[in-house]
N, C-alpha and C. Protein backbone atom coordinates (compact mmCIF):
# COMPACT_ATOMS: atom_id res chain seq x y z
N MET A 1 -1.96 -2.66 7.93
CA MET A 1 -1.06 -2.40 6.92
C MET A 1 0.29 -2.39 7.59
N ARG A 2 0.32 -1.92 8.98
CA ARG A 2 1.67 -1.89 9.42
C ARG A 2 2.43 -3.13 9.57
N ASP A 3 1.83 -4.27 9.80
CA ASP A 3 2.64 -5.54 9.63
C ASP A 3 3.27 -5.66 8.19
N ALA A 4 2.43 -5.26 7.28
CA ALA A 4 2.78 -5.62 5.82
C ALA A 4 3.82 -4.72 5.45
N LEU A 5 3.97 -3.44 6.17
CA LEU A 5 4.99 -2.48 5.65
C LEU A 5 6.44 -3.05 6.48
N ASP A 6 6.39 -3.63 7.67
CA ASP A 6 7.51 -4.30 8.27
C ASP A 6 7.95 -5.48 7.65
N SER A 7 7.29 -6.19 6.97
CA SER A 7 7.53 -7.50 6.46
C SER A 7 8.04 -7.55 4.92
N SER A 8 8.78 -8.46 4.56
CA SER A 8 9.47 -8.54 3.31
C SER A 8 8.85 -9.48 2.44
N ASP A 9 7.73 -10.24 2.95
CA ASP A 9 7.01 -11.30 2.31
C ASP A 9 5.63 -11.09 2.40
N GLY A 10 4.85 -11.69 1.59
CA GLY A 10 3.26 -11.52 1.64
C GLY A 10 2.94 -10.61 0.29
N PHE A 11 1.71 -10.57 0.14
CA PHE A 11 1.20 -9.83 -0.88
C PHE A 11 1.26 -8.46 -0.78
N ILE A 12 0.80 -7.80 0.26
CA ILE A 12 0.73 -6.34 0.25
C ILE A 12 1.98 -5.93 0.61
N ALA A 13 3.19 -6.65 1.04
CA ALA A 13 4.49 -6.29 1.08
C ALA A 13 5.10 -6.28 -0.40
N GLN A 14 4.79 -7.21 -1.25
CA GLN A 14 5.03 -7.00 -2.49
C GLN A 14 4.63 -5.89 -3.30
N VAL A 15 3.22 -5.56 -2.92
CA VAL A 15 2.79 -4.25 -3.67
C VAL A 15 3.59 -2.98 -3.36
N VAL A 16 3.78 -3.03 -2.03
CA VAL A 16 4.47 -1.72 -1.43
C VAL A 16 5.75 -1.39 -2.08
N GLU A 17 6.36 -2.65 -2.38
CA GLU A 17 7.88 -2.68 -3.05
C GLU A 17 7.70 -2.16 -4.44
N LEU A 18 6.42 -2.16 -4.97
CA LEU A 18 6.35 -1.69 -6.32
C LEU A 18 6.01 -0.28 -6.38
N LEU A 19 5.76 0.57 -5.10
CA LEU A 19 5.45 1.96 -5.17
C LEU A 19 6.73 2.70 -5.32
N SER A 20 6.54 4.03 -5.67
CA SER A 20 7.89 4.78 -5.77
C SER A 20 8.47 5.01 -4.45
N HIS A 21 9.70 5.26 -4.32
CA HIS A 21 10.45 5.54 -3.30
C HIS A 21 9.77 6.53 -2.07
N HIS A 22 9.29 7.69 -2.75
CA HIS A 22 8.70 8.66 -1.82
C HIS A 22 7.34 8.02 -1.37
N GLU A 23 6.53 7.42 -2.28
CA GLU A 23 5.23 6.83 -1.83
C GLU A 23 5.44 5.89 -0.55
N ARG A 24 6.40 4.97 -0.91
CA ARG A 24 6.75 3.86 0.11
C ARG A 24 7.26 4.49 1.63
N MET A 25 8.12 5.45 1.48
CA MET A 25 8.59 6.15 2.67
C MET A 25 7.46 7.02 3.15
N ALA A 26 6.48 7.62 2.49
CA ALA A 26 5.44 8.23 3.27
C ALA A 26 4.39 7.45 3.68
N LEU A 27 4.02 6.40 3.14
CA LEU A 27 3.28 5.44 3.75
C LEU A 27 3.81 4.76 4.93
N ARG A 28 4.98 4.37 4.82
CA ARG A 28 5.57 3.70 6.25
C ARG A 28 5.64 4.80 7.22
N LEU A 29 5.94 6.00 7.11
CA LEU A 29 6.01 7.05 8.24
C LEU A 29 4.52 7.23 8.85
N ARG A 30 3.46 7.06 7.74
CA ARG A 30 2.19 7.18 8.30
C ARG A 30 1.84 6.11 9.11
N HIS A 31 1.76 5.00 8.54
CA HIS A 31 1.26 3.59 8.93
C HIS A 31 2.23 2.92 10.00
N ARG A 32 3.32 2.83 9.88
CA ARG A 32 4.29 2.06 10.88
C ARG A 32 4.72 3.17 11.95
N ASP A 33 5.03 4.43 11.58
CA ASP A 33 5.42 5.27 12.70
C ASP A 33 4.43 6.17 13.20
N GLY A 34 3.10 6.23 12.58
CA GLY A 34 2.20 7.04 13.08
C GLY A 34 2.07 8.50 12.86
N LEU A 35 3.03 8.91 12.07
CA LEU A 35 3.39 10.35 11.95
C LEU A 35 2.21 11.17 11.21
N ALA A 36 1.82 12.29 11.56
CA ALA A 36 0.92 13.03 10.63
C ALA A 36 1.33 13.56 9.54
N SER A 37 0.75 14.07 8.54
CA SER A 37 1.34 14.53 7.37
C SER A 37 2.29 15.82 7.56
N GLY A 38 2.25 16.79 8.58
CA GLY A 38 3.09 17.53 8.72
C GLY A 38 4.41 17.15 9.02
N ALA A 39 4.37 16.14 10.07
CA ALA A 39 5.60 15.67 10.60
C ALA A 39 6.45 14.81 9.43
N ILE A 40 5.54 14.29 8.60
CA ILE A 40 6.20 13.41 7.42
C ILE A 40 6.83 14.22 6.36
N ALA A 41 6.18 15.59 6.17
CA ALA A 41 6.56 16.62 5.16
C ALA A 41 7.86 17.08 5.86
N ALA A 42 7.83 17.37 7.17
CA ALA A 42 9.31 17.87 7.78
C ALA A 42 10.23 16.84 7.44
N ARG A 43 9.96 15.49 7.70
CA ARG A 43 11.05 14.44 7.70
C ARG A 43 11.52 14.52 6.27
N MET A 44 10.50 14.36 5.21
CA MET A 44 10.99 14.15 3.89
C MET A 44 11.30 15.57 3.19
N ASN A 45 11.26 16.60 3.79
CA ASN A 45 11.53 17.96 3.44
C ASN A 45 10.64 17.98 2.13
N LEU A 46 9.45 17.75 2.13
CA LEU A 46 8.50 18.19 1.14
C LEU A 46 7.31 18.93 1.48
N PRO A 47 6.62 19.55 0.58
CA PRO A 47 5.39 20.46 1.04
C PRO A 47 4.44 19.28 1.56
N GLU A 48 3.68 19.83 2.42
CA GLU A 48 2.51 18.73 3.23
C GLU A 48 1.63 18.39 2.05
N LYS A 49 1.02 19.10 1.16
CA LYS A 49 0.25 18.62 0.07
C LYS A 49 0.85 17.55 -0.60
N ILE A 50 2.04 17.83 -1.08
CA ILE A 50 2.67 16.50 -1.81
C ILE A 50 2.63 15.19 -1.00
N VAL A 51 2.90 15.36 0.36
CA VAL A 51 2.95 14.20 1.20
C VAL A 51 1.43 13.57 1.30
N ARG A 52 0.38 14.35 1.35
CA ARG A 52 -0.93 13.92 1.35
C ARG A 52 -1.16 13.26 0.14
N ASP A 53 -0.67 13.68 -1.00
CA ASP A 53 -0.80 13.14 -2.37
C ASP A 53 -0.19 11.73 -2.55
N LEU A 54 1.01 11.85 -2.06
CA LEU A 54 1.81 10.48 -1.95
C LEU A 54 1.19 9.50 -1.17
N ILE A 55 0.68 9.79 -0.12
CA ILE A 55 -0.14 8.80 0.79
C ILE A 55 -1.43 8.35 0.19
N GLU A 56 -2.11 9.16 -0.41
CA GLU A 56 -3.42 9.06 -1.05
C GLU A 56 -3.14 7.97 -2.23
N SER A 57 -2.18 8.46 -2.99
CA SER A 57 -1.94 7.65 -4.17
C SER A 57 -1.28 6.05 -3.79
N ALA A 58 -0.37 6.14 -2.63
CA ALA A 58 0.02 4.86 -2.41
C ALA A 58 -1.13 3.97 -1.81
N GLU A 59 -2.01 4.52 -1.05
CA GLU A 59 -3.26 3.72 -0.30
C GLU A 59 -3.99 3.23 -1.52
N ALA A 60 -4.14 4.10 -2.54
CA ALA A 60 -5.18 3.62 -3.67
C ALA A 60 -4.54 2.58 -4.34
N THR A 61 -3.28 2.51 -4.62
CA THR A 61 -2.70 1.55 -5.18
C THR A 61 -2.69 0.31 -4.49
N VAL A 62 -2.45 0.38 -3.13
CA VAL A 62 -2.60 -0.80 -2.34
C VAL A 62 -4.20 -1.41 -2.38
N ARG A 63 -5.14 -0.57 -2.22
CA ARG A 63 -6.40 -0.87 -2.15
C ARG A 63 -6.79 -1.76 -3.53
N ALA A 64 -6.38 -1.09 -4.67
CA ALA A 64 -6.53 -1.66 -6.11
C ALA A 64 -5.86 -2.97 -6.18
N ALA A 65 -4.84 -3.28 -5.77
CA ALA A 65 -3.98 -4.30 -5.75
C ALA A 65 -4.95 -5.55 -4.92
N GLN A 66 -5.41 -5.01 -3.86
CA GLN A 66 -6.17 -5.94 -2.86
C GLN A 66 -7.61 -6.45 -3.67
N ARG A 67 -8.08 -5.56 -4.20
CA ARG A 67 -9.44 -5.86 -4.97
C ARG A 67 -8.97 -6.73 -6.05
N ALA A 68 -8.06 -6.43 -6.89
CA ALA A 68 -7.69 -7.31 -7.96
C ALA A 68 -7.35 -8.75 -7.52
N PHE A 69 -6.80 -8.72 -6.31
CA PHE A 69 -6.15 -10.20 -5.85
C PHE A 69 -7.58 -10.94 -5.47
N VAL A 70 -8.33 -10.26 -4.83
CA VAL A 70 -9.54 -11.02 -4.18
C VAL A 70 -10.48 -11.39 -5.45
N GLU A 71 -10.47 -10.56 -6.33
CA GLU A 71 -11.26 -10.95 -7.64
C GLU A 71 -10.73 -12.23 -8.31
N ALA A 72 -9.26 -12.27 -8.30
CA ALA A 72 -8.77 -13.33 -8.97
C ALA A 72 -9.02 -14.52 -8.27
N LEU A 73 -8.99 -14.54 -6.78
CA LEU A 73 -9.09 -15.69 -5.97
C LEU A 73 -10.66 -16.08 -6.18
N ALA A 74 -11.54 -15.18 -6.37
CA ALA A 74 -12.98 -15.56 -6.41
C ALA A 74 -13.22 -16.16 -7.81
N GLU A 75 -12.48 -15.61 -8.96
CA GLU A 75 -12.67 -16.16 -10.26
C GLU A 75 -12.08 -17.74 -10.33
N ASN A 76 -10.93 -17.96 -9.64
CA ASN A 76 -10.44 -19.35 -9.46
C ASN A 76 -11.31 -20.08 -8.80
N ALA A 77 -11.81 -19.82 -7.58
CA ALA A 77 -12.66 -20.56 -6.91
C ALA A 77 -13.94 -20.93 -7.85
N GLN A 78 -14.52 -20.04 -8.71
CA GLN A 78 -15.48 -20.44 -9.34
C GLN A 78 -15.16 -21.34 -10.34
N SER A 79 -14.21 -21.10 -11.11
CA SER A 79 -13.53 -22.08 -12.06
C SER A 79 -13.43 -23.37 -11.54
N ARG A 80 -13.00 -23.36 -10.35
CA ARG A 80 -12.65 -24.80 -9.85
C ARG A 80 -14.01 -25.49 -9.48
N THR A 81 -15.06 -24.67 -9.03
CA THR A 81 -16.38 -25.21 -8.75
C THR A 81 -17.15 -25.73 -9.98
N ALA A 82 -17.09 -24.94 -10.87
CA ALA A 82 -17.60 -25.21 -12.26
C ALA A 82 -17.05 -26.50 -13.05
N SER A 83 -15.82 -26.62 -12.65
CA SER A 83 -15.10 -27.88 -13.38
C SER A 83 -15.28 -29.22 -12.43
N CYS A 84 -15.81 -29.31 -11.35
CA CYS A 84 -16.11 -30.32 -10.34
C CYS A 84 -17.29 -31.12 -10.84
């Protein structure tokens, strides 16, 4: 995920850009900078519980987008195989 957070292209990078500003910031601080929830909370001036919720929500969104993408690829592959 770290590479996707640093990149401006690619599927995951596009999904990350759809997150809220706070979700994106918390996710980047966790995965790119390796900070713990307490350090992220201090940097963002938010309660640690809110930071944990932001990270959990952002990660769930990214995982759901990945699943949808893989399912779409599989359906497309099945459609191509069936039409041959």
